[in-house]
């Protein structure tokens, strides 16, 4: 049903996955100096999340992760500079706020669909 709509829910129900990926970058950066660039395979191994899900989340959240130009045919990702300047609590609050917005949008769409169905039913029932 939601394939018809021109938008996707990027955060709704996926905050834990995004935070796991984010913390994987943070832990890797603590081991190395400077910003760390990771391939989705490295993140998938470290977090235990499937490769395809990691790749989707990295591409779907440009607020946190940026794709680096290919070097030697390998695409790597890095945490954005704005995200690296924020604390972990701020990142979690940002993600939960985005999830809340998407949930409200979902509920609004569901309410509109139910309201339209109720209007259709109320117009048909008196004619029976």
C-alpha atoms as a PDB file:
ATOM      1  CA  UNK A   1       0.000   0.000   0.000  1.00  0.00           C
ATOM      2  CA  UNK A   2       2.761   2.430   0.882  1.00  0.00           C
ATOM      3  CA  UNK A   3       4.570   1.767  -2.407  1.00  0.00           C
ATOM      4  CA  UNK A   4       2.001   4.020  -4.042  1.00  0.00           C
ATOM      5  CA  UNK A   5       2.876   6.982  -1.837  1.00  0.00           C
ATOM      6  CA  UNK A   6       5.728   9.224  -3.018  1.00  0.00           C
ATOM      7  CA  UNK A   7       7.671   8.952   0.240  1.00  0.00           C
ATOM      8  CA  UNK A   8       9.277   6.332   2.426  1.00  0.00           C
ATOM      9  CA  UNK A   9       9.518   6.034   6.169  1.00  0.00           C
ATOM     10  CA  UNK A  10      13.261   6.257   6.751  1.00  0.00           C
ATOM     11  CA  UNK A  11      13.298   6.329  10.546  1.00  0.00           C
ATOM     12  CA  UNK A  12      10.051   4.720  11.717  1.00  0.00           C
ATOM     13  CA  UNK A  13      10.993   1.410  13.335  1.00  0.00           C
ATOM     14  CA  UNK A  14      14.635   1.690  12.286  1.00  0.00           C
ATOM     15  CA  UNK A  15      16.141   3.981  14.910  1.00  0.00           C
ATOM     16  CA  UNK A  16      17.880   1.098  16.700  1.00  0.00           C
ATOM     17  CA  UNK A  17      19.557  -0.029  13.452  1.00  0.00           C
ATOM     18  CA  UNK A  18      20.707   3.492  12.620  1.00  0.00           C
ATOM     19  CA  UNK A  19      22.077   3.959  16.136  1.00  0.00           C
ATOM     20  CA  UNK A  20      23.938   0.646  15.913  1.00  0.00           C
ATOM     21  CA  UNK A  21      25.546   1.785  12.660  1.00  0.00           C
ATOM     22  CA  UNK A  22      26.356   5.192  14.157  1.00  0.00           C
ATOM     23  CA  UNK A  23      27.968   3.637  17.241  1.00  0.00           C
ATOM     24  CA  UNK A  24      29.988   1.333  14.993  1.00  0.00           C
ATOM     25  CA  UNK A  25      31.483   4.436  13.365  1.00  0.00           C
ATOM     26  CA  UNK A  26      32.117   6.026  16.769  1.00  0.00           C
ATOM     27  CA  UNK A  27      33.860   2.914  18.102  1.00  0.00           C
ATOM     28  CA  UNK A  28      35.982   2.642  14.958  1.00  0.00           C
ATOM     29  CA  UNK A  29      36.917   6.316  15.195  1.00  0.00           C
ATOM     30  CA  UNK A  30      38.034   5.824  18.809  1.00  0.00           C
ATOM     31  CA  UNK A  31      40.493   3.173  17.640  1.00  0.00           C
ATOM     32  CA  UNK A  32      41.946   5.367  14.867  1.00  0.00           C
ATOM     33  CA  UNK A  33      42.885   9.008  14.697  1.00  0.00           C
ATOM     34  CA  UNK A  34      40.876  11.268  12.416  1.00  0.00           C
ATOM     35  CA  UNK A  35      37.618  10.451  10.699  1.00  0.00           C
ATOM     36  CA  UNK A  36      37.091   6.832   9.853  1.00  0.00           C
ATOM     37  CA  UNK A  37      35.625   5.669   6.541  1.00  0.00           C
ATOM     38  CA  UNK A  38      33.981   2.258   6.535  1.00  0.00           C
ATOM     39  CA  UNK A  39      32.584  -0.013   3.858  1.00  0.00           C
ATOM     40  CA  UNK A  40      29.083  -1.441   4.483  1.00  0.00           C
ATOM     41  CA  UNK A  41      30.603  -4.927   4.742  1.00  0.00           C
ATOM     42  CA  UNK A  42      32.769  -3.833   7.663  1.00  0.00           C
ATOM     43  CA  UNK A  43      29.766  -2.327   9.402  1.00  0.00           C
ATOM     44  CA  UNK A  44      27.664  -5.443   8.757  1.00  0.00           C
ATOM     45  CA  UNK A  45      30.333  -7.653  10.310  1.00  0.00           C
ATOM     46  CA  UNK A  46      30.756  -5.419  13.349  1.00  0.00           C
ATOM     47  CA  UNK A  47      27.048  -4.938  14.056  1.00  0.00           C
ATOM     48  CA  UNK A  48      25.578  -8.247  12.896  1.00  0.00           C
ATOM     49  CA  UNK A  49      23.070  -6.469  10.631  1.00  0.00           C
ATOM     50  CA  UNK A  50      22.667  -7.763   7.081  1.00  0.00           C
ATOM     51  CA  UNK A  51      24.704  -6.075   4.369  1.00  0.00           C
ATOM     52  CA  UNK A  52      21.677  -4.975   2.364  1.00  0.00           C
ATOM     53  CA  UNK A  53      20.030  -3.368   5.387  1.00  0.00           C
ATOM     54  CA  UNK A  54      23.245  -1.533   6.272  1.00  0.00           C
ATOM     55  CA  UNK A  55      23.596  -0.245   2.700  1.00  0.00           C
ATOM     56  CA  UNK A  56      19.959   0.910   2.659  1.00  0.00           C
ATOM     57  CA  UNK A  57      20.260   2.725   6.000  1.00  0.00           C
ATOM     58  CA  UNK A  58      23.506   4.419   4.989  1.00  0.00           C
ATOM     59  CA  UNK A  59      21.986   5.691   1.751  1.00  0.00           C
ATOM     60  CA  UNK A  60      18.664   6.651   3.348  1.00  0.00           C
ATOM     61  CA  UNK A  61      20.103   8.824   6.118  1.00  0.00           C
ATOM     62  CA  UNK A  62      22.244  11.583   4.606  1.00  0.00           C
ATOM     63  CA  UNK A  63      21.746  13.546   7.841  1.00  0.00           C
ATOM     64  CA  UNK A  64      24.199  11.200   9.554  1.00  0.00           C
ATOM     65  CA  UNK A  65      26.226   9.405   6.894  1.00  0.00           C
ATOM     66  CA  UNK A  66      27.927  10.666   3.761  1.00  0.00           C
ATOM     67  CA  UNK A  67      29.109   8.568   0.837  1.00  0.00           C
ATOM     68  CA  UNK A  68      32.728   9.140  -0.084  1.00  0.00           C
ATOM     69  CA  UNK A  69      33.967   9.014  -3.680  1.00  0.00           C
ATOM     70  CA  UNK A  70      35.036   5.578  -4.842  1.00  0.00           C
ATOM     71  CA  UNK A  71      38.664   4.824  -4.345  1.00  0.00           C
ATOM     72  CA  UNK A  72      39.940   1.629  -5.928  1.00  0.00           C
ATOM     73  CA  UNK A  73      36.337   0.700  -6.760  1.00  0.00           C
ATOM     74  CA  UNK A  74      35.270   0.613  -3.099  1.00  0.00           C
ATOM     75  CA  UNK A  75      32.500   2.851  -1.780  1.00  0.00           C
ATOM     76  CA  UNK A  76      32.999   3.965   1.789  1.00  0.00           C
ATOM     77  CA  UNK A  77      30.881   5.993   4.183  1.00  0.00           C
ATOM     78  CA  UNK A  78      31.709   8.426   6.938  1.00  0.00           C
ATOM     79  CA  UNK A  79      29.756  10.217   9.653  1.00  0.00           C
ATOM     80  CA  UNK A  80      28.920  13.769   8.564  1.00  0.00           C
ATOM     81  CA  UNK A  81      30.776  16.629  10.195  1.00  0.00           C
ATOM     82  CA  UNK A  82      27.574  18.009  11.710  1.00  0.00           C
ATOM     83  CA  UNK A  83      26.820  14.621  13.292  1.00  0.00           C
ATOM     84  CA  UNK A  84      30.358  14.199  14.575  1.00  0.00           C
ATOM     85  CA  UNK A  85      30.147  17.606  16.279  1.00  0.00           C
ATOM     86  CA  UNK A  86      27.048  16.537  18.231  1.00  0.00           C
ATOM     87  CA  UNK A  87      26.999  14.366  21.316  1.00  0.00           C
ATOM     88  CA  UNK A  88      25.538  10.873  21.367  1.00  0.00           C
ATOM     89  CA  UNK A  89      22.490  12.096  23.309  1.00  0.00           C
ATOM     90  CA  UNK A  90      21.825  14.775  20.686  1.00  0.00           C
ATOM     91  CA  UNK A  91      22.023  12.216  17.883  1.00  0.00           C
ATOM     92  CA  UNK A  92      19.596   9.919  19.705  1.00  0.00           C
ATOM     93  CA  UNK A  93      17.223  12.835  20.296  1.00  0.00           C
ATOM     94  CA  UNK A  94      17.451  13.807  16.612  1.00  0.00           C
ATOM     95  CA  UNK A  95      16.608  10.277  15.483  1.00  0.00           C
ATOM     96  CA  UNK A  96      13.726   9.887  17.933  1.00  0.00           C
ATOM     97  CA  UNK A  97      12.323  13.256  16.847  1.00  0.00           C
ATOM     98  CA  UNK A  98      12.463  12.190  13.186  1.00  0.00           C
ATOM     99  CA  UNK A  99      10.797   8.885  14.074  1.00  0.00           C
ATOM    100  CA  UNK A 100       8.052  10.728  15.959  1.00  0.00           C
ATOM    101  CA  UNK A 101       7.421  12.970  12.930  1.00  0.00           C
ATOM    102  CA  UNK A 102       7.115   9.971  10.642  1.00  0.00           C
ATOM    103  CA  UNK A 103       4.776   8.264  13.096  1.00  0.00           C
ATOM    104  CA  UNK A 104       2.536  11.322  13.181  1.00  0.00           C
ATOM    105  CA  UNK A 105       2.521  11.376   9.375  1.00  0.00           C
ATOM    106  CA  UNK A 106       1.630   7.688   9.303  1.00  0.00           C
ATOM    107  CA  UNK A 107      -1.245   8.206  11.737  1.00  0.00           C
ATOM    108  CA  UNK A 108      -2.497  11.214   9.769  1.00  0.00           C
ATOM    109  CA  UNK A 109      -2.552   9.196   6.536  1.00  0.00           C
ATOM    110  CA  UNK A 110      -4.298   6.303   8.272  1.00  0.00           C
ATOM    111  CA  UNK A 111      -6.888   8.696   9.716  1.00  0.00           C
ATOM    112  CA  UNK A 112      -7.515  10.234   6.278  1.00  0.00           C
ATOM    113  CA  UNK A 113      -8.022   6.812   4.712  1.00  0.00           C
ATOM    114  CA  UNK A 114     -10.441   5.795   7.475  1.00  0.00           C
ATOM    115  CA  UNK A 115     -12.295   9.098   7.163  1.00  0.00           C
ATOM    116  CA  UNK A 116     -12.692   8.605   3.412  1.00  0.00           C
ATOM    117  CA  UNK A 117     -13.990   5.079   3.974  1.00  0.00           C
ATOM    118  CA  UNK A 118     -16.451   6.388   6.563  1.00  0.00           C
ATOM    119  CA  UNK A 119     -17.692   9.042   4.140  1.00  0.00           C
ATOM    120  CA  UNK A 120     -18.185   6.445   1.414  1.00  0.00           C
ATOM    121  CA  UNK A 121     -20.063   4.157   3.795  1.00  0.00           C
ATOM    122  CA  UNK A 122     -22.249   7.014   5.077  1.00  0.00           C
ATOM    123  CA  UNK A 123     -23.198   8.040   1.539  1.00  0.00           C
ATOM    124  CA  UNK A 124     -24.031   4.486   0.441  1.00  0.00           C
ATOM    125  CA  UNK A 125     -25.920   3.236   3.528  1.00  0.00           C
ATOM    126  CA  UNK A 126     -28.930   5.615   3.308  1.00  0.00           C
ATOM    127  CA  UNK A 127     -29.559   4.523  -0.283  1.00  0.00           C
ATOM    128  CA  UNK A 128     -29.931   0.841   0.633  1.00  0.00           C
END
